[in-house]
N, C-alpha and C. Protein backbone atom coordinates (compact mmCIF):
# COMPACT_ATOMS: atom_id res chain seq x y z
N MET A 1 -11.89 11.59 -44.09
CA MET A 1 -12.54 10.64 -43.88
C MET A 1 -13.70 11.38 -42.75
N SER A 2 -15.01 11.20 -43.50
CA SER A 2 -15.98 11.65 -42.87
C SER A 2 -16.43 10.91 -41.65
N HIS A 3 -17.38 11.68 -40.86
CA HIS A 3 -18.02 11.17 -39.61
C HIS A 3 -19.37 10.75 -39.96
N VAL A 4 -19.70 10.11 -41.32
CA VAL A 4 -21.23 10.09 -41.12
C VAL A 4 -21.03 8.64 -41.69
N ASN A 5 -22.18 8.04 -41.13
CA ASN A 5 -22.29 6.69 -40.91
C ASN A 5 -22.87 6.11 -42.37
N HIS A 6 -21.72 5.81 -43.17
CA HIS A 6 -21.87 5.16 -44.71
C HIS A 6 -22.24 3.81 -44.81
N ASN A 7 -23.11 3.10 -45.24
CA ASN A 7 -23.18 1.72 -45.60
C ASN A 7 -23.52 0.99 -44.42
N GLY A 8 -23.91 1.39 -43.44
CA GLY A 8 -24.28 0.69 -41.89
C GLY A 8 -23.20 0.43 -41.23
N ASN A 9 -22.21 1.03 -41.55
CA ASN A 9 -21.00 0.77 -40.62
C ASN A 9 -21.03 1.54 -39.48
N ARG A 10 -20.14 1.08 -38.20
CA ARG A 10 -20.54 1.63 -37.01
C ARG A 10 -20.08 2.87 -37.14
N PRO A 11 -20.55 4.06 -36.58
CA PRO A 11 -20.40 5.36 -36.71
C PRO A 11 -18.65 5.65 -35.66
N VAL A 12 -18.02 6.63 -36.52
CA VAL A 12 -16.94 7.01 -35.69
C VAL A 12 -17.00 7.96 -34.77
N GLU A 13 -16.45 7.99 -33.66
CA GLU A 13 -16.48 9.13 -32.80
C GLU A 13 -16.07 10.28 -32.92
N ARG A 14 -17.07 11.20 -32.65
CA ARG A 14 -16.79 12.59 -33.50
C ARG A 14 -15.64 13.42 -32.35
N ILE A 15 -14.99 14.10 -32.71
CA ILE A 15 -13.96 14.84 -32.27
C ILE A 15 -14.76 16.26 -31.88
N PRO A 16 -14.69 16.54 -30.65
CA PRO A 16 -15.53 17.89 -30.22
C PRO A 16 -14.80 19.24 -31.06
N ASP A 17 -15.66 20.10 -31.06
CA ASP A 17 -14.89 21.52 -31.70
C ASP A 17 -14.31 22.09 -30.50
N PRO A 18 -13.23 22.97 -31.05
CA PRO A 18 -12.53 23.66 -30.18
C PRO A 18 -13.39 24.75 -29.30
N GLU A 19 -14.31 24.95 -29.75
CA GLU A 19 -15.58 26.38 -28.87
C GLU A 19 -15.93 25.65 -27.60
N HIS A 20 -16.24 24.03 -28.04
CA HIS A 20 -17.21 23.79 -26.89
C HIS A 20 -16.32 22.20 -26.63
N PRO A 21 -15.02 22.49 -25.89
CA PRO A 21 -14.62 21.15 -25.38
C PRO A 21 -15.07 20.63 -24.13
N ILE A 22 -14.47 19.21 -24.38
CA ILE A 22 -14.95 18.74 -23.00
C ILE A 22 -13.89 18.76 -21.99
N VAL A 23 -14.50 19.13 -20.88
CA VAL A 23 -13.66 19.60 -19.37
C VAL A 23 -13.71 18.29 -18.69
N ALA A 24 -12.35 17.72 -18.42
CA ALA A 24 -12.62 16.88 -17.15
C ALA A 24 -12.20 17.64 -15.66
N SER A 25 -13.02 16.77 -15.12
CA SER A 25 -13.25 17.57 -13.67
C SER A 25 -12.28 16.67 -12.58
N ALA A 26 -11.40 16.14 -13.22
CA ALA A 26 -10.15 15.48 -11.81
C ALA A 26 -9.47 16.58 -11.34
N GLU A 27 -9.35 16.53 -10.06
CA GLU A 27 -8.33 17.13 -9.50
C GLU A 27 -6.98 16.78 -9.41
N PRO A 28 -6.34 17.73 -9.28
CA PRO A 28 -4.81 17.91 -9.18
C PRO A 28 -4.27 17.34 -7.94
N ILE A 29 -3.29 16.38 -7.81
CA ILE A 29 -2.72 15.63 -6.63
C ILE A 29 -1.80 16.66 -6.11
N ASP A 30 -1.94 17.17 -4.97
CA ASP A 30 -0.88 18.01 -4.37
C ASP A 30 -0.16 17.23 -3.20
N ASN A 31 1.11 16.95 -3.42
CA ASN A 31 1.47 16.08 -2.37
C ASN A 31 1.81 16.17 -0.81
N HIS A 32 1.44 17.69 -0.85
CA HIS A 32 1.85 18.56 0.58
C HIS A 32 0.36 18.40 1.20
N ILE A 33 -0.66 17.88 0.83
CA ILE A 33 -1.90 18.04 1.02
C ILE A 33 -2.55 16.77 1.73
N VAL A 34 -1.98 15.74 0.38
CA VAL A 34 -2.45 14.32 0.31
C VAL A 34 -2.24 13.85 1.86
N ASP A 35 -2.98 13.08 2.35
CA ASP A 35 -2.55 12.43 3.52
C ASP A 35 -1.71 11.15 3.30
N PRO A 36 -0.31 10.83 3.73
CA PRO A 36 0.39 9.80 3.19
C PRO A 36 -0.33 8.47 3.93
N ASP A 37 -0.88 8.40 4.84
CA ASP A 37 -1.90 7.09 5.43
C ASP A 37 -3.03 6.90 4.74
N PHE A 38 -3.49 7.44 3.63
CA PHE A 38 -4.62 7.24 3.05
C PHE A 38 -4.58 6.93 1.48
N ASP A 39 -4.67 5.61 1.29
CA ASP A 39 -4.64 5.33 -0.50
C ASP A 39 -6.07 5.80 -0.83
N ARG A 40 -6.55 6.44 -1.91
CA ARG A 40 -7.95 6.77 -2.43
C ARG A 40 -8.21 5.72 -3.03
N HIS A 41 -7.47 4.39 -3.48
CA HIS A 41 -7.80 3.28 -4.26
C HIS A 41 -8.52 2.05 -3.11
N LYS A 42 -7.87 2.39 -1.95
CA LYS A 42 -7.77 1.26 -0.97
C LYS A 42 -8.38 1.65 0.25
N GLY A 43 -8.34 2.83 0.50
CA GLY A 43 -8.96 3.49 1.64
C GLY A 43 -7.98 3.75 2.91
N PRO A 44 -8.06 3.87 4.19
CA PRO A 44 -7.16 4.17 5.06
C PRO A 44 -6.31 2.93 5.38
N HIS A 45 -4.92 3.35 5.57
CA HIS A 45 -3.75 2.00 5.74
C HIS A 45 -4.45 1.40 7.07
N ILE A 46 -4.19 0.25 7.15
CA ILE A 46 -4.51 -0.12 8.80
C ILE A 46 -3.40 -0.17 9.31
N LYS A 47 -3.12 0.61 10.60
CA LYS A 47 -2.11 0.49 11.20
C LYS A 47 -1.91 -0.28 12.34
N GLY A 48 -1.42 -1.45 12.28
CA GLY A 48 -1.10 -2.55 13.32
C GLY A 48 -0.98 -3.72 12.97
N PRO A 49 -0.52 -4.60 13.47
CA PRO A 49 -0.07 -6.08 13.09
C PRO A 49 -1.90 -6.64 12.52
N HIS A 50 -1.48 -7.54 11.77
CA HIS A 50 -2.65 -8.56 11.47
C HIS A 50 -3.07 -9.25 12.58
N ASP A 51 -2.25 -10.15 13.63
CA ASP A 51 -2.35 -10.47 15.06
C ASP A 51 -1.41 -10.02 16.00
N PRO A 52 -1.87 -9.42 17.14
CA PRO A 52 -0.97 -8.70 17.98
C PRO A 52 -0.22 -9.53 18.88
N LYS A 53 -0.56 -10.80 18.82
CA LYS A 53 0.26 -11.81 19.66
C LYS A 53 1.17 -12.90 18.89
N GLU A 54 0.84 -12.56 17.43
CA GLU A 54 1.60 -13.42 16.73
C GLU A 54 1.93 -12.93 15.28
N ILE A 55 3.58 -13.11 14.60
CA ILE A 55 3.68 -12.54 13.50
C ILE A 55 3.52 -13.46 12.57
N ASN A 56 2.89 -13.44 11.42
CA ASN A 56 3.13 -14.21 10.13
C ASN A 56 4.12 -13.55 9.17
N PRO A 57 5.52 -14.36 9.17
CA PRO A 57 6.74 -13.96 8.49
C PRO A 57 6.37 -14.06 7.01
N LYS A 58 5.06 -14.49 6.63
CA LYS A 58 4.91 -14.36 5.02
C LYS A 58 4.20 -13.13 4.43
N MET A 59 3.72 -12.31 5.69
CA MET A 59 2.89 -11.23 5.51
C MET A 59 4.05 -9.82 5.32
N SER A 60 4.30 -9.28 4.49
CA SER A 60 5.07 -8.06 4.35
C SER A 60 4.58 -6.83 5.65
N SER A 61 3.50 -6.89 5.39
CA SER A 61 2.94 -5.76 6.35
C SER A 61 3.21 -6.24 7.88
N ASP A 62 3.30 -7.70 8.31
CA ASP A 62 3.58 -7.94 9.42
C ASP A 62 5.02 -7.60 9.90
N ILE A 63 5.80 -7.76 8.90
CA ILE A 63 7.19 -8.06 8.95
C ILE A 63 7.72 -6.33 8.99
N ALA A 64 6.82 -5.63 8.42
CA ALA A 64 7.26 -4.07 8.37
C ALA A 64 7.00 -3.45 9.61
N TYR A 65 5.70 -3.69 9.92
CA TYR A 65 5.05 -3.29 11.58
C TYR A 65 6.14 -3.89 12.38
N TRP A 66 6.21 -4.98 12.51
CA TRP A 66 7.17 -5.35 14.02
C TRP A 66 8.48 -4.79 13.81
N SER A 67 9.24 -5.21 12.94
CA SER A 67 10.85 -4.76 12.52
C SER A 67 10.70 -3.35 12.99
N HIS A 68 9.48 -2.41 12.50
CA HIS A 68 9.80 -0.91 13.06
C HIS A 68 9.08 -0.95 14.54
N GLU A 69 8.28 -1.54 14.74
CA GLU A 69 8.23 -1.70 16.47
C GLU A 69 9.43 -2.21 17.32
N PHE A 70 10.30 -3.23 16.99
CA PHE A 70 11.52 -3.40 17.23
C PHE A 70 12.60 -2.89 17.48
N GLY A 71 12.43 -2.15 16.57
CA GLY A 71 13.68 -0.88 15.88
C GLY A 71 14.62 -1.82 15.48
N ILE A 72 14.22 -2.83 14.41
CA ILE A 72 15.46 -3.87 13.73
C ILE A 72 15.06 -3.63 12.49
N ASP A 73 15.82 -4.01 11.44
CA ASP A 73 15.40 -4.52 10.04
C ASP A 73 14.75 -5.85 9.82
N GLY A 74 14.27 -5.86 8.60
CA GLY A 74 13.20 -7.23 8.32
C GLY A 74 14.23 -8.55 8.27
N THR A 75 15.33 -8.14 7.92
CA THR A 75 16.14 -9.47 7.73
C THR A 75 16.60 -9.91 9.15
N ARG A 76 16.78 -8.91 10.33
CA ARG A 76 17.11 -9.62 11.44
C ARG A 76 15.75 -9.86 12.11
N LEU A 77 14.50 -9.36 11.87
CA LEU A 77 13.27 -10.31 12.34
C LEU A 77 13.07 -11.56 11.98
N HIS A 78 13.63 -11.79 10.71
CA HIS A 78 13.56 -13.10 9.85
C HIS A 78 14.28 -14.23 10.55
N GLU A 79 15.35 -13.62 11.16
CA GLU A 79 16.36 -14.59 11.83
C GLU A 79 15.92 -14.84 13.06
N LEU A 80 15.49 -13.89 13.80
CA LEU A 80 14.88 -13.88 15.20
C LEU A 80 13.73 -15.02 15.43
N ILE A 81 12.77 -14.73 14.06
CA ILE A 81 11.63 -15.63 13.73
C ILE A 81 12.19 -16.93 13.80
N ARG A 82 13.23 -17.32 12.77
CA ARG A 82 13.74 -18.82 12.88
C ARG A 82 14.11 -19.41 14.09
N VAL A 83 14.76 -18.47 14.99
CA VAL A 83 15.24 -18.80 16.29
C VAL A 83 14.51 -19.11 17.22
N HIS A 84 13.52 -18.21 17.56
CA HIS A 84 12.70 -18.16 18.87
C HIS A 84 11.15 -18.36 18.22
N GLY A 85 11.03 -18.48 16.99
CA GLY A 85 9.34 -18.43 16.56
C GLY A 85 8.70 -17.13 16.49
N THR A 86 7.37 -17.41 16.15
CA THR A 86 6.44 -16.18 15.85
C THR A 86 5.93 -15.22 16.94
N HIS A 87 5.86 -15.88 18.27
CA HIS A 87 5.27 -15.31 19.08
C HIS A 87 6.02 -13.95 19.50
N VAL A 88 5.22 -12.83 19.57
CA VAL A 88 5.54 -11.43 19.62
C VAL A 88 6.49 -11.42 21.33
N GLU A 89 5.89 -11.93 22.11
CA GLU A 89 6.56 -12.27 23.74
C GLU A 89 7.65 -12.79 23.47
N LYS A 90 7.95 -13.66 23.18
CA LYS A 90 9.21 -14.49 22.93
C LYS A 90 10.36 -13.36 22.27
N LEU A 91 9.81 -13.26 21.24
CA LEU A 91 10.85 -12.13 20.30
C LEU A 91 11.11 -10.96 21.28
N ARG A 92 10.03 -10.55 21.89
CA ARG A 92 10.18 -9.30 22.70
C ARG A 92 11.11 -9.61 23.75
N ALA A 93 11.16 -10.98 24.40
CA ALA A 93 12.32 -11.44 25.69
C ALA A 93 13.34 -11.43 24.79
N ALA A 94 13.69 -12.22 23.80
CA ALA A 94 14.94 -12.44 23.01
C ALA A 94 15.54 -11.30 22.63
N LEU A 95 14.89 -10.01 22.10
CA LEU A 95 15.26 -8.71 22.03
C LEU A 95 16.02 -8.13 23.51
N HIS A 96 15.23 -8.31 24.26
CA HIS A 96 15.41 -7.54 25.56
C HIS A 96 16.58 -8.15 25.87
N SER A 97 16.69 -9.38 25.94
CA SER A 97 18.09 -10.11 26.78
C SER A 97 19.01 -9.99 25.91
N HIS A 98 18.93 -9.84 24.72
CA HIS A 98 20.05 -9.62 23.77
C HIS A 98 20.67 -8.16 23.98
N LYS A 99 19.80 -7.22 24.28
CA LYS A 99 20.41 -5.79 24.62
C LYS A 99 21.16 -5.76 25.68
N THR A 100 20.55 -6.30 27.01
CA THR A 100 21.11 -6.39 27.93
C THR A 100 22.16 -7.00 28.52
N ALA A 101 22.32 -8.11 27.50
CA ALA A 101 23.52 -9.11 27.54
C ALA A 101 25.12 -8.31 27.20
C-alpha cells in the first residue's frame, strides 16, 4: 500500500523511518521516589475528614479516616454509627466507655 493520496482519499499516516524515530518524553515511574500521598492526576490527597464533627457513613473517605483515627475497622465503625449516630464526640465517648468497661 502506498502512502500517496490517490483519488482524493484521506491520507494514510506515514510511519517514520528508523533513522529519525519519534522519541517520547515520558518519565519512568520509580515507586521508591513517588510520593504515595500525591496522585499526579488528582493532586495531593486531602488528609482529614470531610467534616471534623460528623461522619458521613456513605463517604468511603470518611469511613477510612475515622476507622483509622479510632483504631477500628470500617465494619465496626458502621455498627457504632447505627447505634450511636454520626457525631464524632458521641462515637468517641462510646468507644472510650467500651474500652474502660
